[in-house]
Amino acid sequence: MKLLTQFAILLIAGSLAYAASPAPGVVRGTIKKIDAKARTVVIKTAEGTEHLLEFAATTTVHDTETVAKESWNGLKEGSDVVAQFSTDKGKKVALEIDNVGKDGLKMAQGTVVRTGQGAKTVVIKGADGVEQAYDVTSDAAQAAGQEVAAGAGKAGKVTVYYTEKAGKKIAHIFHR
């Protein structure tokens, strides 16, 4: 019950911060096409579904150590990526898109154990039983709260895409 209460706090915090925003979606796959002129990217999932995402001036792209706005920042056709997006008038607008793996975000899977510090951290227990704490970006807090509302709070299983900086793991994208 305490865990569900903590997630309710996380959900409320994320919802209040983005009350006017629709729930973000997450897609993981390979970049099939980048159209720099149209500012779009097509991501093909392992299941074969293609997602067309538009880049906005606020789209964030991370690479190994830097963050840049309005940049392709190492993204190229064939890259393994994860993207978080919002839907606006039927169009998917990328909030964040990042390489996954050696030259990008790291990935961890596990069960949500607890939140802390006013929903600014989340602790995930991996299959090996080890608990890892992640600082949570504001976008990730919103997504985590919405994932819990959609059922992750019952099963608790999530995938966390994160970076490491100054010895801390920083969660950028949560996905159930």
Protein backbone atom coordinates (compact mmCIF):
# COMPACT_ATOMS: atom_id res chain seq x y z
CA MET A 1 0.00 0.00 0.00
CA LYS A 2 2.87 2.35 0.85
CA LEU A 3 4.38 1.73 -2.61
CA LEU A 4 1.09 2.58 -4.30
CA THR A 5 0.84 5.77 -2.23
CA GLN A 6 4.33 6.79 -3.31
CA PHE A 7 3.44 6.17 -6.94
CA ALA A 8 0.26 8.17 -6.54
CA ILE A 9 2.44 11.07 -5.38
CA LEU A 10 4.73 10.53 -8.40
CA LEU A 11 1.70 10.45 -10.69
CA ILE A 12 0.22 13.61 -9.22
CA ALA A 13 3.55 15.46 -9.39
CA GLY A 14 4.01 14.49 -13.03
CA SER A 15 0.41 15.24 -13.90
CA LEU A 16 0.47 18.68 -12.29
CA ALA A 17 3.66 19.59 -14.08
CA TYR A 18 2.14 18.60 -17.42
CA ALA A 19 -1.59 19.00 -16.86
CA ALA A 20 -2.20 20.25 -20.39
CA SER A 21 0.03 17.66 -22.05
CA PRO A 22 -1.25 14.35 -23.38
CA ALA A 23 0.39 11.17 -22.12
CA PRO A 24 3.77 10.64 -23.76
CA GLY A 25 4.39 7.53 -25.81
CA VAL A 26 7.61 5.56 -26.08
CA VAL A 27 8.94 3.72 -29.13
CA ARG A 28 12.11 1.65 -29.41
CA GLY A 29 13.53 0.58 -32.74
CA THR A 30 15.87 1.36 -35.60
CA ILE A 31 15.94 4.62 -37.53
CA LYS A 32 14.74 3.77 -41.02
CA LYS A 33 14.83 7.30 -42.42
CA ILE A 34 15.83 10.82 -41.38
CA ASP A 35 14.53 13.78 -43.36
CA ALA A 36 16.48 16.80 -42.08
CA LYS A 37 14.59 19.22 -44.33
CA ALA A 38 11.17 18.05 -43.11
CA ARG A 39 12.57 17.57 -39.58
CA THR A 40 11.18 14.04 -39.31
CA VAL A 41 12.46 10.61 -38.43
CA VAL A 42 10.92 7.19 -39.11
CA ILE A 43 11.56 4.54 -36.44
CA LYS A 44 10.84 0.90 -37.25
CA THR A 45 10.16 -1.38 -34.26
CA ALA A 46 11.27 -5.01 -33.98
CA GLU A 47 7.66 -5.96 -34.76
CA GLY A 48 7.83 -4.04 -38.06
CA THR A 49 5.64 -1.07 -37.11
CA GLU A 50 6.87 2.27 -38.41
CA HIS A 51 6.47 5.50 -36.43
CA LEU A 52 6.90 8.92 -38.05
CA LEU A 53 8.05 11.48 -35.48
CA GLU A 54 8.48 15.19 -36.04
CA PHE A 55 11.32 17.14 -34.44
CA ALA A 56 10.42 20.34 -32.60
CA ALA A 57 12.71 23.11 -31.39
CA THR A 58 12.41 21.55 -27.92
CA THR A 59 13.28 17.97 -28.95
CA THR A 60 16.22 16.73 -26.88
CA VAL A 61 18.85 14.39 -28.30
CA HIS A 62 21.51 12.89 -26.04
CA ASP A 63 24.75 11.34 -27.08
CA THR A 64 27.42 9.88 -24.83
CA GLU A 65 28.28 13.04 -22.93
CA THR A 66 26.47 16.00 -24.41
CA VAL A 67 22.94 17.25 -24.89
CA ALA A 68 22.03 19.45 -27.83
CA LYS A 69 18.83 21.13 -28.96
CA GLU A 70 17.89 21.23 -32.64
CA SER A 71 20.60 18.75 -33.59
CA TRP A 72 20.72 15.24 -34.99
CA ASN A 73 23.58 14.71 -32.50
CA GLY A 74 24.87 11.42 -33.82
CA LEU A 75 21.54 9.98 -34.95
CA LYS A 76 21.71 8.24 -38.31
CA GLU A 77 19.82 5.69 -40.34
CA GLY A 78 20.31 2.26 -38.81
CA SER A 79 20.81 3.63 -35.27
CA ASP A 80 19.16 1.73 -32.40
CA VAL A 81 17.09 4.39 -30.61
CA VAL A 82 14.40 5.01 -28.04
CA ALA A 83 12.08 7.99 -28.40
CA GLN A 84 9.54 9.60 -26.14
CA PHE A 85 6.86 11.54 -27.97
CA SER A 86 3.62 13.43 -27.52
CA THR A 87 0.70 13.34 -29.90
CA ASP A 88 -0.59 16.67 -31.17
CA LYS A 89 -3.45 16.79 -33.68
CA GLY A 90 -2.67 13.25 -34.83
CA LYS A 91 1.05 13.91 -35.28
CA LYS A 92 3.77 12.39 -33.11
CA VAL A 93 6.20 15.04 -31.89
CA ALA A 94 9.50 13.81 -30.44
CA LEU A 95 10.16 15.07 -26.91
CA GLU A 96 13.41 13.13 -26.69
CA ILE A 97 15.19 10.68 -28.98
CA ASP A 98 18.40 8.94 -28.08
CA ASN A 99 20.80 6.28 -29.27
CA VAL A 100 20.69 3.16 -27.09
CA GLY A 101 23.75 1.13 -26.22
CA LYS A 102 27.45 1.81 -26.14
CA ASP A 103 27.22 5.32 -27.57
CA GLY A 104 23.93 6.35 -25.99
CA LEU A 105 21.49 5.67 -23.22
CA LYS A 106 21.91 2.59 -21.11
CA MET A 107 18.99 0.33 -20.39
CA ALA A 108 17.90 -1.50 -17.24
CA GLN A 109 14.84 -3.60 -16.54
CA GLY A 110 13.28 -4.53 -13.26
CA THR A 111 10.59 -4.06 -10.70
CA VAL A 112 9.74 -0.72 -9.14
CA VAL A 113 10.56 -0.89 -5.42
CA ARG A 114 9.96 2.67 -4.20
CA THR A 115 10.21 6.36 -4.92
CA GLY A 116 11.92 8.93 -2.79
CA GLN A 117 12.90 12.56 -2.34
CA GLY A 118 9.50 13.92 -3.35
CA ALA A 119 9.23 11.57 -6.35
CA LYS A 120 12.59 12.73 -7.71
CA THR A 121 14.14 9.28 -7.41
CA VAL A 122 12.95 5.80 -8.28
CA VAL A 123 14.49 2.54 -7.06
CA ILE A 124 14.34 -0.44 -9.43
CA LYS A 125 15.17 -4.02 -8.44
CA GLY A 126 16.79 -5.96 -11.27
CA ALA A 127 16.36 -9.67 -12.01
CA ASP A 128 19.61 -10.25 -10.07
CA GLY A 129 17.97 -8.81 -6.94
CA VAL A 130 20.18 -5.72 -6.87
CA GLU A 131 18.42 -2.41 -6.25
CA GLN A 132 19.49 0.66 -8.23
CA ALA A 133 18.41 4.23 -7.54
CA TYR A 134 17.79 6.61 -10.43
CA ASP A 135 17.42 10.37 -10.28
CA VAL A 136 14.41 11.24 -12.41
CA THR A 137 14.19 14.05 -14.99
CA SER A 138 10.90 15.97 -15.03
CA ASP A 139 9.89 14.32 -18.33
CA ALA A 140 10.71 10.89 -16.91
CA ALA A 141 8.69 11.66 -13.76
CA GLN A 142 5.66 12.41 -15.90
CA ALA A 143 6.10 9.24 -17.93
CA ALA A 144 6.75 7.12 -14.86
CA GLY A 145 3.59 8.43 -13.23
CA GLN A 146 1.55 7.71 -16.32
CA GLU A 147 3.06 4.22 -16.67
CA VAL A 148 2.06 3.49 -13.08
CA ALA A 149 -1.46 4.72 -13.79
CA ALA A 150 -1.54 2.43 -16.84
CA GLY A 151 -0.61 -0.64 -14.81
CA ALA A 152 3.08 -0.63 -14.01
CA GLY A 153 2.19 0.01 -10.36
CA LYS A 154 0.51 -3.40 -10.18
CA ALA A 155 3.25 -5.41 -11.87
CA GLY A 156 5.96 -2.85 -11.17
CA LYS A 157 7.98 -3.99 -14.19
CA VAL A 158 9.59 -1.22 -16.19
CA THR A 159 12.42 -0.52 -18.59
CA VAL A 160 14.53 2.49 -17.63
CA TYR A 161 16.69 4.30 -20.19
CA TYR A 162 19.35 6.33 -18.40
CA THR A 163 22.66 8.14 -18.48
CA GLU A 164 25.35 8.30 -15.82
CA LYS A 165 26.85 11.58 -14.66
CA ALA A 166 29.07 12.23 -11.65
CA GLY A 167 28.41 8.73 -10.36
CA LYS A 168 24.61 9.09 -10.51
CA LYS A 169 22.17 7.29 -12.78
CA ILE A 170 19.74 9.71 -14.37
CA ALA A 171 16.54 8.22 -15.77
CA HIS A 172 15.36 9.90 -18.97
CA ILE A 173 12.69 7.52 -20.23
CA PHE A 174 10.52 4.93 -18.45
CA HIS A 175 8.57 2.31 -20.35
CA ARG A 176 6.31 -0.49 -19.15
